[in-house]
Amino acid sequence: MKGYNQFCPVAKTAEVFAERWTPLIVRELCYGPKRFGDLHFAIPLMSRTLLARRLRDLAEAGVVSIEPKESGRGHVYRLTEAGEALRPIIEAMGDWGQRWAQGKVEPGDLDAELLVWGMRRQIDPRELPDRDFVVRFEFSGLPKRQRNRRYWWLVLRPDDIEVCLKDPGLSVDVVVVADLAAFTRVWMGYSGLAEAVAAGTVAFSGSGRAVATLRRILKLADRPTIRKFTLRPWPATA
């Protein structure tokens, strides 16, 4: 039975929002309109069949609009006014998780791909350098399913950020060599960068100025500092 058979507004909200995977779909759409493939990429463990069903349910509930693409086949999904009203709930869930669920990050939760894309989405466009700035990440301690995805590049441009799994052939400003779990905890703010560097689980190579620029852009603090996540729309350049 889908509903709770209660007129309580909490129950009515839960009927729409509290199903498995639905908050993650809304989270992704808070970053801007998405194609079906974009959503599946961001939630890879969700089957395509279930994703399509959830999107139809959200459209029927008036939370998501489904529009044809401007060209080609497929659709674009975006939040309606009712969907946008769920944004504070997503932000509150993120804040709660940052404060109370720090110790619940398990090895199976680690994902280099989502980490790099997460870093991209949280970069403030006002912090972008006035020239191309290239960062290469070399991760160790990856889960078995990602052993072939050790190397990643971020290409920061004045008006965009590219995520690359293959060498873009550009001069690299900073190389970050890190254990995936250690760097994830530093970036989330659960651990301090100074401790990770001292332990040898995170290391930088590049000029002092370039490393300082990267630390500023990614907001990597020497001491544990809980990160405040924003849901700012970003283009999906890859």
Protein backbone atom coordinates (compact mmCIF):
# COMPACT_ATOMS: atom_id res chain seq x y z
CA MET A 1 0.00 0.00 0.00
CA LYS A 2 1.53 3.26 -1.13
CA GLY A 3 -0.19 5.67 1.26
CA TYR A 4 -0.41 5.95 5.04
CA ASN A 5 -4.17 6.62 5.09
CA GLN A 6 -3.67 9.68 7.26
CA PHE A 7 -4.58 13.28 6.47
CA CYS A 8 -1.55 14.45 8.51
CA PRO A 9 0.66 16.70 6.32
CA VAL A 10 3.75 14.83 7.52
CA ALA A 11 2.23 11.61 6.20
CA LYS A 12 1.29 13.27 2.91
CA THR A 13 4.83 14.59 2.45
CA ALA A 14 6.29 11.19 3.31
CA GLU A 15 4.10 9.53 0.68
CA VAL A 16 5.85 11.60 -1.98
CA PHE A 17 9.32 12.10 -0.55
CA ALA A 18 10.20 9.26 1.80
CA GLU A 19 10.46 6.36 -0.63
CA ARG A 20 13.88 4.79 -1.15
CA TRP A 21 16.04 6.75 -3.65
CA THR A 22 13.56 9.63 -4.01
CA PRO A 23 15.53 12.12 -1.85
CA LEU A 24 18.62 11.44 -4.00
CA ILE A 25 16.66 12.17 -7.18
CA VAL A 26 15.45 15.45 -5.70
CA ARG A 27 19.01 16.20 -4.53
CA GLU A 28 20.31 15.86 -8.08
CA LEU A 29 17.56 18.03 -9.53
CA CYS A 30 18.37 20.73 -6.98
CA TYR A 31 21.60 21.16 -8.97
CA GLY A 32 19.58 21.97 -12.08
CA PRO A 33 17.64 20.20 -14.86
CA LYS A 34 18.94 16.76 -15.77
CA ARG A 35 18.57 14.20 -18.53
CA PHE A 36 17.74 10.63 -17.60
CA GLY A 37 21.33 9.52 -18.17
CA ASP A 38 22.63 12.29 -15.91
CA LEU A 39 20.39 11.09 -13.08
CA HIS A 40 21.36 7.45 -13.54
CA PHE A 41 25.04 8.42 -13.60
CA ALA A 42 24.65 10.18 -10.24
CA ILE A 43 22.70 7.28 -8.68
CA PRO A 44 24.30 4.25 -10.37
CA LEU A 45 23.02 1.61 -7.94
CA MET A 46 19.42 2.51 -8.77
CA SER A 47 18.07 0.47 -11.67
CA ARG A 48 16.97 2.36 -14.77
CA THR A 49 13.51 0.81 -14.49
CA LEU A 50 13.05 2.00 -10.92
CA LEU A 51 14.43 5.46 -11.75
CA ALA A 52 11.91 5.83 -14.58
CA ARG A 53 9.10 4.75 -12.24
CA ARG A 54 10.14 7.17 -9.51
CA LEU A 55 10.33 10.05 -12.00
CA ARG A 56 6.81 9.26 -13.21
CA ASP A 57 5.58 9.17 -9.61
CA LEU A 58 7.22 12.52 -8.87
CA ALA A 59 5.69 14.00 -12.02
CA GLU A 60 2.24 12.73 -10.99
CA ALA A 61 2.79 14.33 -7.57
CA GLY A 62 3.59 17.66 -9.24
CA VAL A 63 7.18 17.69 -7.97
CA VAL A 64 8.98 17.10 -11.27
CA SER A 65 8.20 18.28 -14.79
CA ILE A 66 9.14 16.08 -17.74
CA GLU A 67 9.91 18.02 -20.91
CA PRO A 68 11.15 16.88 -24.32
CA LYS A 69 14.75 17.74 -25.16
CA GLU A 70 15.26 20.68 -27.50
CA SER A 71 16.83 18.30 -30.01
CA GLY A 72 17.05 14.54 -30.28
CA ARG A 73 15.24 11.90 -28.33
CA GLY A 74 14.71 11.81 -24.60
CA HIS A 75 13.50 14.18 -21.93
CA VAL A 76 14.73 16.76 -19.47
CA TYR A 77 13.64 16.59 -15.84
CA ARG A 78 13.38 19.66 -13.64
CA LEU A 79 11.83 20.60 -10.32
CA THR A 80 8.50 22.37 -10.34
CA GLU A 81 7.59 25.06 -7.81
CA ALA A 82 6.46 22.27 -5.47
CA GLY A 83 9.76 20.46 -6.07
CA GLU A 84 11.79 23.57 -5.32
CA ALA A 85 9.95 23.81 -2.00
CA LEU A 86 11.66 20.53 -1.04
CA ARG A 87 15.10 22.13 -1.36
CA PRO A 88 15.24 23.20 2.33
CA ILE A 89 14.49 19.59 3.32
CA ILE A 90 17.41 18.31 1.23
CA GLU A 91 19.69 20.97 2.73
CA ALA A 92 18.54 20.07 6.24
CA MET A 93 19.22 16.37 5.56
CA GLY A 94 22.72 17.27 4.40
CA ASP A 95 23.35 19.38 7.48
CA TRP A 96 22.10 16.62 9.77
CA GLY A 97 24.25 14.01 8.03
CA GLN A 98 27.33 16.21 8.28
CA ARG A 99 26.84 16.67 12.00
CA TRP A 100 25.55 13.30 13.14
CA ALA A 101 26.56 10.68 10.56
CA GLN A 102 30.31 11.29 10.28
CA GLY A 103 31.16 7.90 11.73
CA LYS A 104 28.83 6.04 9.38
CA VAL A 105 30.95 6.35 6.21
CA GLU A 106 31.75 2.72 5.45
CA PRO A 107 34.32 1.34 2.95
CA GLY A 108 31.47 0.43 0.63
CA ASP A 109 30.40 4.08 0.54
CA LEU A 110 33.67 5.24 -1.01
CA ASP A 111 33.48 6.29 -4.66
CA ALA A 112 36.23 8.19 -6.47
CA GLU A 113 33.89 9.20 -9.27
CA LEU A 114 31.26 10.73 -7.01
CA LEU A 115 33.99 12.38 -4.95
CA VAL A 116 35.52 14.18 -7.93
CA TRP A 117 32.13 15.23 -9.26
CA GLY A 118 31.12 16.29 -5.77
CA MET A 119 34.20 18.50 -5.52
CA ARG A 120 33.37 20.05 -8.87
CA ARG A 121 29.82 20.88 -7.83
CA GLN A 122 30.90 22.55 -4.59
CA ILE A 123 33.48 24.89 -6.15
CA ASP A 124 32.33 28.49 -5.98
CA PRO A 125 32.46 29.96 -9.52
CA ARG A 126 33.87 33.15 -8.01
CA GLU A 127 36.92 31.17 -6.87
CA LEU A 128 37.88 29.99 -10.36
CA PRO A 129 41.32 31.17 -11.53
CA ASP A 130 41.69 33.56 -14.46
CA ARG A 131 43.54 30.91 -16.48
CA ASP A 132 43.39 27.15 -16.98
CA PHE A 133 44.35 25.37 -13.75
CA VAL A 134 44.81 21.61 -13.93
CA VAL A 135 44.75 19.16 -11.02
CA ARG A 136 45.54 15.44 -11.26
CA PHE A 137 44.34 13.07 -8.56
CA GLU A 138 46.03 9.71 -7.98
CA PHE A 139 43.91 7.68 -5.59
CA SER A 140 44.84 4.49 -3.76
CA GLY A 141 42.59 2.29 -1.66
CA LEU A 142 39.83 2.25 -4.29
CA PRO A 143 37.01 -0.30 -4.10
CA LYS A 144 37.42 -3.23 -6.48
CA ARG A 145 34.76 -1.95 -8.84
CA GLN A 146 36.84 1.19 -9.47
CA ARG A 147 40.38 -0.14 -9.60
CA ASN A 148 40.70 1.15 -13.18
CA ARG A 149 39.66 4.66 -12.15
CA ARG A 150 42.63 5.67 -10.07
CA TYR A 151 43.54 8.78 -12.07
CA TRP A 152 41.28 11.81 -12.42
CA TRP A 153 41.77 15.34 -13.72
CA LEU A 154 39.99 18.56 -12.88
CA VAL A 155 40.48 21.29 -15.48
CA LEU A 156 39.44 24.58 -13.93
CA ARG A 157 38.74 27.36 -16.41
CA PRO A 158 37.48 30.90 -15.77
CA ASP A 159 33.96 29.90 -16.86
CA ASP A 160 33.78 26.13 -16.46
CA ILE A 161 35.24 23.00 -14.83
CA GLU A 162 35.88 19.78 -16.72
CA VAL A 163 36.13 16.35 -15.12
CA CYS A 164 38.41 13.99 -17.06
CA LEU A 165 39.08 10.28 -16.64
CA LYS A 166 41.67 10.42 -19.43
CA ASP A 167 44.71 12.68 -19.56
CA PRO A 168 43.57 15.93 -21.20
CA GLY A 169 47.13 16.57 -22.37
CA LEU A 170 47.49 19.82 -20.46
CA SER A 171 50.24 20.98 -18.13
CA VAL A 172 49.38 19.93 -14.57
CA ASP A 173 49.60 22.54 -11.81
CA VAL A 174 49.06 20.25 -8.81
CA VAL A 175 49.18 16.50 -8.32
CA VAL A 176 47.27 15.07 -5.36
CA VAL A 177 48.32 11.58 -4.27
CA ALA A 178 45.94 10.28 -1.64
CA ASP A 179 44.24 7.35 -0.03
CA LEU A 180 40.61 7.62 -1.14
CA ALA A 181 39.13 7.21 2.34
CA ALA A 182 41.53 9.75 3.86
CA PHE A 183 40.93 12.38 1.19
CA THR A 184 37.16 11.84 1.32
CA ARG A 185 37.20 12.52 5.06
CA VAL A 186 39.37 15.61 4.61
CA TRP A 187 37.17 17.02 1.87
CA MET A 188 34.02 16.34 3.89
CA GLY A 189 35.62 18.15 6.81
CA TYR A 190 35.61 15.13 9.11
CA SER A 191 39.43 15.10 9.31
CA GLY A 192 42.00 17.87 9.11
CA LEU A 193 44.38 18.13 6.17
CA ALA A 194 47.40 18.71 8.41
CA GLU A 195 46.89 15.35 10.13
CA ALA A 196 46.43 13.52 6.81
CA VAL A 197 49.58 15.08 5.34
CA ALA A 198 51.56 14.20 8.47
CA ALA A 199 50.30 10.61 8.26
CA GLY A 200 51.28 10.39 4.59
CA THR A 201 47.76 9.57 3.41
CA VAL A 202 47.50 12.82 1.41
CA ALA A 203 50.36 14.51 -0.45
CA PHE A 204 50.64 17.39 -2.89
CA SER A 205 53.22 18.18 -5.53
CA GLY A 206 53.37 21.51 -7.31
CA SER A 207 54.45 25.03 -6.50
CA GLY A 208 53.53 26.39 -3.09
CA ARG A 209 51.32 29.00 -4.75
CA ALA A 210 49.48 26.39 -6.85
CA VAL A 211 48.88 24.11 -3.85
CA ALA A 212 47.58 27.08 -1.85
CA THR A 213 45.24 27.95 -4.72
CA LEU A 214 43.87 24.41 -4.81
CA ARG A 215 43.38 24.32 -1.05
CA ARG A 216 41.47 27.60 -1.22
CA ILE A 217 39.27 26.48 -4.11
CA LEU A 218 38.44 23.11 -2.51
CA LYS A 219 38.28 24.61 1.00
CA LEU A 220 40.63 22.04 2.52
CA ALA A 221 41.16 23.05 6.14
CA ASP A 222 44.09 22.01 8.33
CA ARG A 223 41.71 21.09 11.15
CA PRO A 224 38.35 19.28 11.02
CA THR A 225 35.82 21.80 9.74
CA ILE A 226 32.35 20.56 8.86
CA ARG A 227 31.55 21.54 5.29
CA LYS A 228 28.36 23.37 4.39
CA PHE A 229 27.15 21.97 1.09
CA THR A 230 25.42 24.16 -1.46
CA LEU A 231 23.00 23.02 -4.15
CA ARG A 232 24.21 25.48 -6.78
CA PRO A 233 23.36 24.51 -10.38
CA TRP A 234 26.40 23.70 -12.50
CA PRO A 235 26.60 22.71 -16.19
CA ALA A 236 27.33 19.02 -16.69
CA THR A 237 30.60 19.33 -18.61
CA ALA A 238 32.53 16.05 -18.69
